């Protein structure tokens, strides 16, 4: 039974991590001129877009997340890989969270004088990614010993 639960948790963790890369990690609503509507600046794991314009030089946050998700999947078979995958996913998630927290705090402090009504915050992708970390460590806990 533990093996089945572990496999399901590893699969869910990897799927959630990869799915999170397609969701917004951060969202910024900014008006570029007084009286203009706010435009969304959204960052995902693969791209950044400002309104309808896609930045051709995406952030590529998703690459280490996908690699960590692959290590999590390898954990289905090997216990040491389970620890390494969960730790890698936690590390990547933690670094991304701190980076976004810093960027969001910078914008909320009024460091952009263009729009005093600017809104900055986390997107739902970061929360799905954090959930994937919890699932990965849950899978490590129930992983049967080799």
C-alpha atoms as a PDB file:
ATOM      1  CA  UNK A   1       0.000   0.000   0.000  1.00  0.00           C
ATOM      2  CA  UNK A   2       2.850   2.436   0.859  1.00  0.00           C
ATOM      3  CA  UNK A   3       4.356   1.801  -2.550  1.00  0.00           C
ATOM      4  CA  UNK A   4       1.128   2.733  -4.333  1.00  0.00           C
ATOM      5  CA  UNK A   5       0.680   5.878  -2.226  1.00  0.00           C
ATOM      6  CA  UNK A   6       4.309   6.834  -2.839  1.00  0.00           C
ATOM      7  CA  UNK A   7       4.015   6.363  -6.606  1.00  0.00           C
ATOM      8  CA  UNK A   8       0.828   8.441  -6.692  1.00  0.00           C
ATOM      9  CA  UNK A   9       2.424  11.215  -4.610  1.00  0.00           C
ATOM     10  CA  UNK A  10       5.579  11.247  -6.766  1.00  0.00           C
ATOM     11  CA  UNK A  11       3.454  11.417  -9.911  1.00  0.00           C
ATOM     12  CA  UNK A  12       1.279  14.206  -8.513  1.00  0.00           C
ATOM     13  CA  UNK A  13       4.327  16.173  -7.335  1.00  0.00           C
ATOM     14  CA  UNK A  14       6.036  15.968 -10.728  1.00  0.00           C
ATOM     15  CA  UNK A  15       2.841  16.793 -12.616  1.00  0.00           C
ATOM     16  CA  UNK A  16       2.074  19.755 -10.341  1.00  0.00           C
ATOM     17  CA  UNK A  17       5.623  21.092 -10.697  1.00  0.00           C
ATOM     18  CA  UNK A  18       5.528  20.939 -14.493  1.00  0.00           C
ATOM     19  CA  UNK A  19       1.975  22.344 -14.646  1.00  0.00           C
ATOM     20  CA  UNK A  20       3.047  25.243 -12.400  1.00  0.00           C
ATOM     21  CA  UNK A  21       5.583  26.368 -15.014  1.00  0.00           C
ATOM     22  CA  UNK A  22       2.718  27.294 -17.354  1.00  0.00           C
ATOM     23  CA  UNK A  23       0.846  29.304 -14.708  1.00  0.00           C
ATOM     24  CA  UNK A  24       1.702  32.869 -13.653  1.00  0.00           C
ATOM     25  CA  UNK A  25       4.441  33.077 -11.027  1.00  0.00           C
ATOM     26  CA  UNK A  26       4.035  36.825 -10.623  1.00  0.00           C
ATOM     27  CA  UNK A  27       1.645  39.463 -11.864  1.00  0.00           C
ATOM     28  CA  UNK A  28       2.161  43.181 -12.054  1.00  0.00           C
ATOM     29  CA  UNK A  29      -0.594  45.635 -13.016  1.00  0.00           C
ATOM     30  CA  UNK A  30       0.783  48.971 -14.147  1.00  0.00           C
ATOM     31  CA  UNK A  31      -0.516  52.062 -15.904  1.00  0.00           C
ATOM     32  CA  UNK A  32       2.108  53.607 -18.175  1.00  0.00           C
ATOM     33  CA  UNK A  33       0.510  57.042 -18.219  1.00  0.00           C
ATOM     34  CA  UNK A  34      -1.963  58.915 -16.019  1.00  0.00           C
ATOM     35  CA  UNK A  35      -5.536  58.072 -16.949  1.00  0.00           C
ATOM     36  CA  UNK A  36      -4.531  54.969 -18.916  1.00  0.00           C
ATOM     37  CA  UNK A  37      -5.860  51.520 -17.956  1.00  0.00           C
ATOM     38  CA  UNK A  38      -3.483  49.187 -16.154  1.00  0.00           C
ATOM     39  CA  UNK A  39      -1.638  46.617 -18.226  1.00  0.00           C
ATOM     40  CA  UNK A  40      -0.669  43.195 -16.907  1.00  0.00           C
ATOM     41  CA  UNK A  41       2.988  42.155 -16.789  1.00  0.00           C
ATOM     42  CA  UNK A  42       2.905  38.388 -16.215  1.00  0.00           C
ATOM     43  CA  UNK A  43       5.827  36.005 -15.707  1.00  0.00           C
ATOM     44  CA  UNK A  44       5.486  32.231 -16.083  1.00  0.00           C
ATOM     45  CA  UNK A  45       8.202  29.614 -16.048  1.00  0.00           C
ATOM     46  CA  UNK A  46       8.622  29.888 -19.806  1.00  0.00           C
ATOM     47  CA  UNK A  47       7.708  33.423 -20.762  1.00  0.00           C
ATOM     48  CA  UNK A  48       7.069  36.998 -19.818  1.00  0.00           C
ATOM     49  CA  UNK A  49       4.359  39.059 -21.437  1.00  0.00           C
ATOM     50  CA  UNK A  50       3.355  42.659 -21.134  1.00  0.00           C
ATOM     51  CA  UNK A  51      -0.253  43.053 -22.200  1.00  0.00           C
ATOM     52  CA  UNK A  52      -0.445  41.287 -25.547  1.00  0.00           C
ATOM     53  CA  UNK A  53       3.301  41.458 -26.201  1.00  0.00           C
ATOM     54  CA  UNK A  54       5.366  38.351 -25.560  1.00  0.00           C
ATOM     55  CA  UNK A  55       9.000  38.913 -24.546  1.00  0.00           C
ATOM     56  CA  UNK A  56      11.175  36.900 -26.915  1.00  0.00           C
ATOM     57  CA  UNK A  57      13.742  36.418 -24.126  1.00  0.00           C
ATOM     58  CA  UNK A  58      11.722  34.453 -21.559  1.00  0.00           C
ATOM     59  CA  UNK A  59      13.022  33.885 -18.033  1.00  0.00           C
ATOM     60  CA  UNK A  60      13.299  30.091 -18.434  1.00  0.00           C
ATOM     61  CA  UNK A  61      12.611  29.482 -14.737  1.00  0.00           C
ATOM     62  CA  UNK A  62      10.947  26.283 -15.900  1.00  0.00           C
ATOM     63  CA  UNK A  63      14.125  24.458 -16.939  1.00  0.00           C
ATOM     64  CA  UNK A  64      15.428  23.712 -13.414  1.00  0.00           C
ATOM     65  CA  UNK A  65      11.866  22.981 -12.280  1.00  0.00           C
ATOM     66  CA  UNK A  66      11.395  20.371 -15.023  1.00  0.00           C
ATOM     67  CA  UNK A  67      14.797  18.815 -14.229  1.00  0.00           C
ATOM     68  CA  UNK A  68      13.833  18.620 -10.541  1.00  0.00           C
ATOM     69  CA  UNK A  69      10.460  17.103 -11.503  1.00  0.00           C
ATOM     70  CA  UNK A  70      12.295  14.438 -13.512  1.00  0.00           C
ATOM     71  CA  UNK A  71      14.420  13.658 -10.446  1.00  0.00           C
ATOM     72  CA  UNK A  72      11.228  13.404  -8.394  1.00  0.00           C
ATOM     73  CA  UNK A  73       9.895  10.867 -10.919  1.00  0.00           C
ATOM     74  CA  UNK A  74      13.142   8.894 -10.659  1.00  0.00           C
ATOM     75  CA  UNK A  75      12.383   8.727  -6.938  1.00  0.00           C
ATOM     76  CA  UNK A  76       9.579   6.290  -7.705  1.00  0.00           C
ATOM     77  CA  UNK A  77      12.256   3.706  -8.331  1.00  0.00           C
ATOM     78  CA  UNK A  78      15.222   4.761  -6.204  1.00  0.00           C
ATOM     79  CA  UNK A  79      14.972   6.100  -2.656  1.00  0.00           C
ATOM     80  CA  UNK A  80      18.119   8.222  -2.926  1.00  0.00           C
ATOM     81  CA  UNK A  81      16.728   9.833  -6.062  1.00  0.00           C
ATOM     82  CA  UNK A  82      13.527  10.544  -4.116  1.00  0.00           C
ATOM     83  CA  UNK A  83      15.461  12.573  -1.543  1.00  0.00           C
ATOM     84  CA  UNK A  84      17.508  14.326  -4.231  1.00  0.00           C
ATOM     85  CA  UNK A  85      14.445  15.145  -6.340  1.00  0.00           C
ATOM     86  CA  UNK A  86      12.440  16.523  -3.435  1.00  0.00           C
ATOM     87  CA  UNK A  87      15.436  18.555  -2.242  1.00  0.00           C
ATOM     88  CA  UNK A  88      16.112  19.903  -5.747  1.00  0.00           C
ATOM     89  CA  UNK A  89      12.469  20.881  -6.192  1.00  0.00           C
ATOM     90  CA  UNK A  90      12.455  22.568  -2.784  1.00  0.00           C
ATOM     91  CA  UNK A  91      15.675  24.432  -3.576  1.00  0.00           C
ATOM     92  CA  UNK A  92      14.478  25.688  -6.956  1.00  0.00           C
ATOM     93  CA  UNK A  93      11.116  26.676  -5.490  1.00  0.00           C
ATOM     94  CA  UNK A  94      12.722  28.459  -2.548  1.00  0.00           C
ATOM     95  CA  UNK A  95      15.088  30.421  -4.766  1.00  0.00           C
ATOM     96  CA  UNK A  96      12.270  31.393  -7.135  1.00  0.00           C
ATOM     97  CA  UNK A  97      10.034  32.400  -4.217  1.00  0.00           C
ATOM     98  CA  UNK A  98      12.731  34.645  -2.711  1.00  0.00           C
ATOM     99  CA  UNK A  99      13.483  36.198  -6.115  1.00  0.00           C
ATOM    100  CA  UNK A 100       9.788  36.944  -6.715  1.00  0.00           C
ATOM    101  CA  UNK A 101       9.296  38.194  -3.164  1.00  0.00           C
ATOM    102  CA  UNK A 102      12.156  40.637  -3.685  1.00  0.00           C
ATOM    103  CA  UNK A 103      10.822  41.804  -7.067  1.00  0.00           C
ATOM    104  CA  UNK A 104       7.263  42.194  -5.753  1.00  0.00           C
ATOM    105  CA  UNK A 105       8.438  44.063  -2.652  1.00  0.00           C
ATOM    106  CA  UNK A 106      10.532  46.374  -4.828  1.00  0.00           C
ATOM    107  CA  UNK A 107       7.499  47.317  -6.887  1.00  0.00           C
ATOM    108  CA  UNK A 108       5.176  47.646  -3.894  1.00  0.00           C
ATOM    109  CA  UNK A 109       7.547  50.097  -2.216  1.00  0.00           C
ATOM    110  CA  UNK A 110       6.794  52.680  -4.897  1.00  0.00           C
ATOM    111  CA  UNK A 111      10.115  52.358  -6.686  1.00  0.00           C
ATOM    112  CA  UNK A 112       8.337  52.869  -9.984  1.00  0.00           C
ATOM    113  CA  UNK A 113       7.103  56.432 -10.058  1.00  0.00           C
ATOM    114  CA  UNK A 114       5.045  55.927 -13.223  1.00  0.00           C
ATOM    115  CA  UNK A 115       1.991  54.471 -11.485  1.00  0.00           C
ATOM    116  CA  UNK A 116       1.272  55.057  -7.801  1.00  0.00           C
ATOM    117  CA  UNK A 117      -1.649  52.588  -8.062  1.00  0.00           C
ATOM    118  CA  UNK A 118       0.642  49.791  -9.269  1.00  0.00           C
ATOM    119  CA  UNK A 119      -0.324  46.325  -8.019  1.00  0.00           C
ATOM    120  CA  UNK A 120       2.210  43.494  -7.728  1.00  0.00           C
ATOM    121  CA  UNK A 121       1.736  40.006  -6.350  1.00  0.00           C
ATOM    122  CA  UNK A 122       2.297  36.285  -6.669  1.00  0.00           C
ATOM    123  CA  UNK A 123       0.471  34.321  -9.326  1.00  0.00           C
ATOM    124  CA  UNK A 124      -1.123  30.957  -8.669  1.00  0.00           C
ATOM    125  CA  UNK A 125       1.829  29.116 -10.270  1.00  0.00           C
ATOM    126  CA  UNK A 126       4.075  29.688  -7.260  1.00  0.00           C
ATOM    127  CA  UNK A 127       1.456  28.204  -4.924  1.00  0.00           C
ATOM    128  CA  UNK A 128       1.061  25.122  -7.140  1.00  0.00           C
ATOM    129  CA  UNK A 129       4.857  24.777  -7.135  1.00  0.00           C
ATOM    130  CA  UNK A 130       4.983  24.977  -3.339  1.00  0.00           C
ATOM    131  CA  UNK A 131       2.251  22.321  -3.202  1.00  0.00           C
ATOM    132  CA  UNK A 132       4.393  20.120  -5.459  1.00  0.00           C
ATOM    133  CA  UNK A 133       7.244  20.397  -2.944  1.00  0.00           C
ATOM    134  CA  UNK A 134       4.937  19.297  -0.120  1.00  0.00           C
ATOM    135  CA  UNK A 135       3.731  16.343  -2.212  1.00  0.00           C
ATOM    136  CA  UNK A 136       7.319  15.368  -3.086  1.00  0.00           C
ATOM    137  CA  UNK A 137       8.377  15.295   0.564  1.00  0.00           C
ATOM    138  CA  UNK A 138       5.208  13.392   1.443  1.00  0.00           C
ATOM    139  CA  UNK A 139       6.215  10.825  -1.161  1.00  0.00           C
ATOM    140  CA  UNK A 140       9.705  10.577   0.357  1.00  0.00           C
ATOM    141  CA  UNK A 141       8.170   9.877   3.758  1.00  0.00           C
ATOM    142  CA  UNK A 142       6.004   7.007   2.508  1.00  0.00           C
ATOM    143  CA  UNK A 143       8.616   5.622   0.092  1.00  0.00           C
ATOM    144  CA  UNK A 144       9.259   1.968   0.896  1.00  0.00           C
ATOM    145  CA  UNK A 145      12.820   1.163   1.890  1.00  0.00           C
ATOM    146  CA  UNK A 146      14.908  -0.527  -0.800  1.00  0.00           C
END
